[in-house]
Amino acid sequence: MKIDGMMCGRCDARVRKSLEALPQVDEVIVSHTEGTVVVKRNAEIDSEVLKKTVEDILNS
């Protein structure tokens, strides 16, 4: 996923922790410098759930 609004390593950690808390997610690779998030899943998950999770953490 392409993500706007991540400015630092702290953002990386918050996004990673929030996404890894989802039961369908095994691993998350975040890069604020690239503005990307790669999600490795163990089950189907709606992209809107991922998007909302990221938006919620970046807007809090």
PDB file of N, CA and C in Angstrom:
ATOM      1  N   MET A   1       0.840  -1.170   0.000  1.00  0.00           N
ATOM      2  CA  MET A   1       0.000   0.000   0.000  1.00  0.00           C
ATOM      3  C   MET A   1       0.885   1.234   0.000  1.00  0.00           C
ATOM      4  N   LYS A   2       0.430   2.250  -0.633  1.00  0.00           N
ATOM      5  CA  LYS A   2       1.074   3.557  -0.602  1.00  0.00           C
ATOM      6  C   LYS A   2       0.396   4.361   0.508  1.00  0.00           C
ATOM      7  N   ILE A   3       1.207   4.964   1.386  1.00  0.00           N
ATOM      8  CA  ILE A   3       0.676   5.686   2.542  1.00  0.00           C
ATOM      9  C   ILE A   3       1.270   7.090   2.578  1.00  0.00           C
ATOM     10  N   ASP A   4       0.414   8.091   2.718  1.00  0.00           N
ATOM     11  CA  ASP A   4       0.857   9.467   2.919  1.00  0.00           C
ATOM     12  C   ASP A   4       0.715   9.804   4.398  1.00  0.00           C
ATOM     13  N   GLY A   5       1.587  10.660   4.898  1.00  0.00           N
ATOM     14  CA  GLY A   5       1.446  11.148   6.263  1.00  0.00           C
ATOM     15  C   GLY A   5       2.384  10.523   7.277  1.00  0.00           C
ATOM     16  N   MET A   6       3.191   9.547   6.868  1.00  0.00           N
ATOM     17  CA  MET A   6       4.176   8.972   7.793  1.00  0.00           C
ATOM     18  C   MET A   6       5.437   9.820   7.701  1.00  0.00           C
ATOM     19  N   MET A   7       5.862  10.366   8.844  1.00  0.00           N
ATOM     20  CA  MET A   7       6.988  11.292   8.839  1.00  0.00           C
ATOM     21  C   MET A   7       8.255  10.762   9.508  1.00  0.00           C
ATOM     22  N   CYS A   8       8.133   9.688  10.310  1.00  0.00           N
ATOM     23  CA  CYS A   8       9.300   9.271  11.092  1.00  0.00           C
ATOM     24  C   CYS A   8       9.210   7.781  11.448  1.00  0.00           C
ATOM     25  N   GLY A   9      10.246   7.306  12.105  1.00  0.00           N
ATOM     26  CA  GLY A   9      10.284   5.920  12.547  1.00  0.00           C
ATOM     27  C   GLY A   9       9.184   5.595  13.540  1.00  0.00           C
ATOM     28  N   ARG A  10       8.783   6.572  14.325  1.00  0.00           N
ATOM     29  CA  ARG A  10       7.680   6.350  15.283  1.00  0.00           C
ATOM     30  C   ARG A  10       6.383   6.025  14.530  1.00  0.00           C
ATOM     31  N   CYS A  11       6.150   6.723  13.430  1.00  0.00           N
ATOM     32  CA  CYS A  11       4.977   6.423  12.594  1.00  0.00           C
ATOM     33  C   CYS A  11       5.053   4.990  12.072  1.00  0.00           C
ATOM     34  N   ASP A  12       6.248   4.611  11.610  1.00  0.00           N
ATOM     35  CA  ASP A  12       6.454   3.238  11.126  1.00  0.00           C
ATOM     36  C   ASP A  12       6.018   2.234  12.188  1.00  0.00           C
ATOM     37  N   ALA A  13       6.509   2.440  13.402  1.00  0.00           N
ATOM     38  CA  ALA A  13       6.236   1.500  14.495  1.00  0.00           C
ATOM     39  C   ALA A  13       4.751   1.458  14.839  1.00  0.00           C
ATOM     40  N   ARG A  14       4.105   2.608  14.865  1.00  0.00           N
ATOM     41  CA  ARG A  14       2.676   2.649  15.200  1.00  0.00           C
ATOM     42  C   ARG A  14       1.840   1.944  14.140  1.00  0.00           C
ATOM     43  N   VAL A  15       2.147   2.192  12.878  1.00  0.00           N
ATOM     44  CA  VAL A  15       1.410   1.550  11.782  1.00  0.00           C
ATOM     45  C   VAL A  15       1.645   0.043  11.813  1.00  0.00           C
ATOM     46  N   ARG A  16       2.896  -0.361  11.969  1.00  0.00           N
ATOM     47  CA  ARG A  16       3.224  -1.788  12.002  1.00  0.00           C
ATOM     48  C   ARG A  16       2.490  -2.493  13.143  1.00  0.00           C
ATOM     49  N   LYS A  17       2.544  -1.928  14.336  1.00  0.00           N
ATOM     50  CA  LYS A  17       1.911  -2.530  15.502  1.00  0.00           C
ATOM     51  C   LYS A  17       0.392  -2.659  15.310  1.00  0.00           C
ATOM     52  N   SER A  18      -0.232  -1.627  14.767  1.00  0.00           N
ATOM     53  CA  SER A  18      -1.688  -1.652  14.559  1.00  0.00           C
ATOM     54  C   SER A  18      -2.102  -2.710  13.547  1.00  0.00           C
ATOM     55  N   LEU A  19      -1.347  -2.796  12.445  1.00  0.00           N
ATOM     56  CA  LEU A  19      -1.697  -3.779  11.423  1.00  0.00           C
ATOM     57  C   LEU A  19      -1.394  -5.205  11.885  1.00  0.00           C
ATOM     58  N   GLU A  20      -0.285  -5.397  12.599  1.00  0.00           N
ATOM     59  CA  GLU A  20       0.054  -6.734  13.080  1.00  0.00           C
ATOM     60  C   GLU A  20      -0.927  -7.229  14.141  1.00  0.00           C
ATOM     61  N   ALA A  21      -1.695  -6.323  14.735  1.00  0.00           N
ATOM     62  CA  ALA A  21      -2.707  -6.714  15.720  1.00  0.00           C
ATOM     63  C   ALA A  21      -3.919  -7.378  15.057  1.00  0.00           C
ATOM     64  N   LEU A  22      -4.068  -7.190  13.753  1.00  0.00           N
ATOM     65  CA  LEU A  22      -5.185  -7.822  13.034  1.00  0.00           C
ATOM     66  C   LEU A  22      -4.899  -9.314  12.890  1.00  0.00           C
ATOM     67  N   PRO A  23      -5.878 -10.171  13.173  1.00  0.00           N
ATOM     68  CA  PRO A  23      -5.632 -11.615  13.141  1.00  0.00           C
ATOM     69  C   PRO A  23      -5.252 -12.167  11.760  1.00  0.00           C
ATOM     70  N   GLN A  24      -5.620 -11.480  10.701  1.00  0.00           N
ATOM     71  CA  GLN A  24      -5.320 -11.953   9.346  1.00  0.00           C
ATOM     72  C   GLN A  24      -3.921 -11.569   8.876  1.00  0.00           C
ATOM     73  N   VAL A  25      -3.197 -10.816   9.703  1.00  0.00           N
ATOM     74  CA  VAL A  25      -1.897 -10.289   9.299  1.00  0.00           C
ATOM     75  C   VAL A  25      -0.769 -11.020  10.034  1.00  0.00           C
ATOM     76  N   ASP A  26       0.212 -11.497   9.262  1.00  0.00           N
ATOM     77  CA  ASP A  26       1.382 -12.170   9.821  1.00  0.00           C
ATOM     78  C   ASP A  26       2.563 -11.230   9.998  1.00  0.00           C
ATOM     79  N   GLU A  27       2.800 -10.378   9.003  1.00  0.00           N
ATOM     80  CA  GLU A  27       3.975  -9.518   9.032  1.00  0.00           C
ATOM     81  C   GLU A  27       3.686  -8.223   8.292  1.00  0.00           C
ATOM     82  N   VAL A  28       4.305  -7.153   8.773  1.00  0.00           N
ATOM     83  CA  VAL A  28       4.139  -5.842   8.148  1.00  0.00           C
ATOM     84  C   VAL A  28       5.518  -5.210   7.981  1.00  0.00           C
ATOM     85  N   ILE A  29       5.782  -4.701   6.786  1.00  0.00           N
ATOM     86  CA  ILE A  29       7.025  -3.985   6.516  1.00  0.00           C
ATOM     87  C   ILE A  29       6.642  -2.556   6.147  1.00  0.00           C
ATOM     88  N   VAL A  30       7.122  -1.605   6.952  1.00  0.00           N
ATOM     89  CA  VAL A  30       6.738  -0.202   6.790  1.00  0.00           C
ATOM     90  C   VAL A  30       7.964   0.640   6.470  1.00  0.00           C
ATOM     91  N   SER A  31       7.813   1.590   5.563  1.00  0.00           N
ATOM     92  CA  SER A  31       8.889   2.530   5.252  1.00  0.00           C
ATOM     93  C   SER A  31       8.303   3.934   5.120  1.00  0.00           C
ATOM     94  N   HIS A  32       8.566   4.776   6.121  1.00  0.00           N
ATOM     95  CA  HIS A  32       8.072   6.156   6.014  1.00  0.00           C
ATOM     96  C   HIS A  32       8.824   6.917   4.922  1.00  0.00           C
ATOM     97  N   THR A  33      10.084   6.555   4.668  1.00  0.00           N
ATOM     98  CA  THR A  33      10.845   7.238   3.627  1.00  0.00           C
ATOM     99  C   THR A  33      10.309   6.925   2.227  1.00  0.00           C
ATOM    100  N   GLU A  34       9.827   5.712   2.051  1.00  0.00           N
ATOM    101  CA  GLU A  34       9.235   5.312   0.765  1.00  0.00           C
ATOM    102  C   GLU A  34       7.734   5.594   0.728  1.00  0.00           C
ATOM    103  N   GLY A  35       7.123   5.738   1.916  1.00  0.00           N
ATOM    104  CA  GLY A  35       5.675   5.933   1.996  1.00  0.00           C
ATOM    105  C   GLY A  35       4.914   4.669   1.649  1.00  0.00           C
ATOM    106  N   THR A  36       5.477   3.511   2.051  1.00  0.00           N
ATOM    107  CA  THR A  36       4.845   2.240   1.702  1.00  0.00           C
ATOM    108  C   THR A  36       4.656   1.336   2.916  1.00  0.00           C
ATOM    109  N   VAL A  37       3.682   0.452   2.766  1.00  0.00           N
ATOM    110  CA  VAL A  37       3.430  -0.603   3.744  1.00  0.00           C
ATOM    111  C   VAL A  37       3.184  -1.887   2.960  1.00  0.00           C
ATOM    112  N   VAL A  38       3.920  -2.941   3.314  1.00  0.00           N
ATOM    113  CA  VAL A  38       3.710  -4.263   2.719  1.00  0.00           C
ATOM    114  C   VAL A  38       3.134  -5.151   3.812  1.00  0.00           C
ATOM    115  N   VAL A  39       1.999  -5.778   3.509  1.00  0.00           N
ATOM    116  CA  VAL A  39       1.306  -6.618   4.488  1.00  0.00           C
ATOM    117  C   VAL A  39       1.322  -8.060   4.004  1.00  0.00           C
ATOM    118  N   LYS A  40       1.875  -8.943   4.841  1.00  0.00           N
ATOM    119  CA  LYS A  40       1.844 -10.386   4.554  1.00  0.00           C
ATOM    120  C   LYS A  40       0.713 -10.971   5.376  1.00  0.00           C
ATOM    121  N   ARG A  41      -0.266 -11.555   4.673  1.00  0.00           N
ATOM    122  CA  ARG A  41      -1.488 -12.050   5.312  1.00  0.00           C
ATOM    123  C   ARG A  41      -1.490 -13.562   5.443  1.00  0.00           C
ATOM    124  N   ASN A  42      -2.289 -14.046   6.392  1.00  0.00           N
ATOM    125  CA  ASN A  42      -2.507 -15.478   6.528  1.00  0.00           C
ATOM    126  C   ASN A  42      -3.941 -15.845   6.160  1.00  0.00           C
ATOM    127  N   ALA A  43      -4.741 -14.824   5.840  1.00  0.00           N
ATOM    128  CA  ALA A  43      -6.137 -15.004   5.443  1.00  0.00           C
ATOM    129  C   ALA A  43      -6.583 -13.753   4.686  1.00  0.00           C
ATOM    130  N   GLU A  44      -7.692 -13.870   3.983  1.00  0.00           N
ATOM    131  CA  GLU A  44      -8.239 -12.722   3.267  1.00  0.00           C
ATOM    132  C   GLU A  44      -8.628 -11.630   4.243  1.00  0.00           C
ATOM    133  N   ILE A  45      -8.383 -10.402   3.847  1.00  0.00           N
ATOM    134  CA  ILE A  45      -8.813  -9.230   4.622  1.00  0.00           C
ATOM    135  C   ILE A  45      -9.144  -8.133   3.628  1.00  0.00           C
ATOM    136  N   ASP A  46     -10.242  -7.476   3.853  1.00  0.00           N
ATOM    137  CA  ASP A  46     -10.692  -6.407   2.976  1.00  0.00           C
ATOM    138  C   ASP A  46      -9.691  -5.256   3.030  1.00  0.00           C
ATOM    139  N   SER A  47      -9.336  -4.725   1.890  1.00  0.00           N
ATOM    140  CA  SER A  47      -8.376  -3.617   1.839  1.00  0.00           C
ATOM    141  C   SER A  47      -8.886  -2.394   2.588  1.00  0.00           C
ATOM    142  N   GLU A  48     -10.194  -2.247   2.683  1.00  0.00           N
ATOM    143  CA  GLU A  48     -10.769  -1.121   3.431  1.00  0.00           C
ATOM    144  C   GLU A  48     -10.472  -1.238   4.928  1.00  0.00           C
ATOM    145  N   VAL A  49     -10.391  -2.464   5.449  1.00  0.00           N
ATOM    146  CA  VAL A  49     -10.042  -2.674   6.854  1.00  0.00           C
ATOM    147  C   VAL A  49      -8.603  -2.224   7.093  1.00  0.00           C
ATOM    148  N   LEU A  50      -7.715  -2.589   6.186  1.00  0.00           N
ATOM    149  CA  LEU A  50      -6.320  -2.168   6.297  1.00  0.00           C
ATOM    150  C   LEU A  50      -6.216  -0.648   6.222  1.00  0.00           C
ATOM    151  N   LYS A  51      -6.902  -0.069   5.256  1.00  0.00           N
ATOM    152  CA  LYS A  51      -6.869   1.379   5.068  1.00  0.00           C
ATOM    153  C   LYS A  51      -7.389   2.104   6.307  1.00  0.00           C
ATOM    154  N   LYS A  52      -8.510   1.664   6.841  1.00  0.00           N
ATOM    155  CA  LYS A  52      -9.100   2.297   8.031  1.00  0.00           C
ATOM    156  C   LYS A  52      -8.171   2.173   9.231  1.00  0.00           C
ATOM    157  N   THR A  53      -7.539   1.020   9.396  1.00  0.00           N
ATOM    158  CA  THR A  53      -6.613   0.818  10.505  1.00  0.00           C
ATOM    159  C   THR A  53      -5.461   1.817  10.441  1.00  0.00           C
ATOM    160  N   VAL A  54      -4.903   2.001   9.254  1.00  0.00           N
ATOM    161  CA  VAL A  54      -3.797   2.947   9.071  1.00  0.00           C
ATOM    162  C   VAL A  54      -4.284   4.379   9.284  1.00  0.00           C
ATOM    163  N   GLU A  55      -5.419   4.729   8.699  1.00  0.00           N
ATOM    164  CA  GLU A  55      -5.959   6.095   8.852  1.00  0.00           C
ATOM    165  C   GLU A  55      -6.213   6.408  10.326  1.00  0.00           C
ATOM    166  N   ASP A  56      -6.785   5.462  11.054  1.00  0.00           N
ATOM    167  CA  ASP A  56      -7.094   5.684  12.462  1.00  0.00           C
ATOM    168  C   ASP A  56      -5.834   5.967  13.268  1.00  0.00           C
ATOM    169  N   ILE A  57      -4.786   5.208  13.027  1.00  0.00           N
ATOM    170  CA  ILE A  57      -3.553   5.376  13.810  1.00  0.00           C
ATOM    171  C   ILE A  57      -2.833   6.673  13.421  1.00  0.00           C
ATOM    172  N   LEU A  58      -2.846   7.045  12.154  1.00  0.00           N
ATOM    173  CA  LEU A  58      -2.164   8.273  11.735  1.00  0.00           C
ATOM    174  C   LEU A  58      -2.940   9.531  12.118  1.00  0.00           C
ATOM    175  N   ASN A  59      -4.239   9.381  12.325  1.00  0.00           N
ATOM    176  CA  ASN A  59      -5.077  10.534  12.691  1.00  0.00           C
ATOM    177  C   ASN A  59      -5.277  10.665  14.198  1.00  0.00           C
ATOM    178  N   SER A  60      -4.665   9.766  14.975  1.00  0.00           N
ATOM    179  CA  SER A  60      -4.869   9.836  16.433  1.00  0.00           C
ATOM    180  C   SER A  60      -3.763  10.614  17.114  1.00  0.00           C
TER     181      SER A  60
END
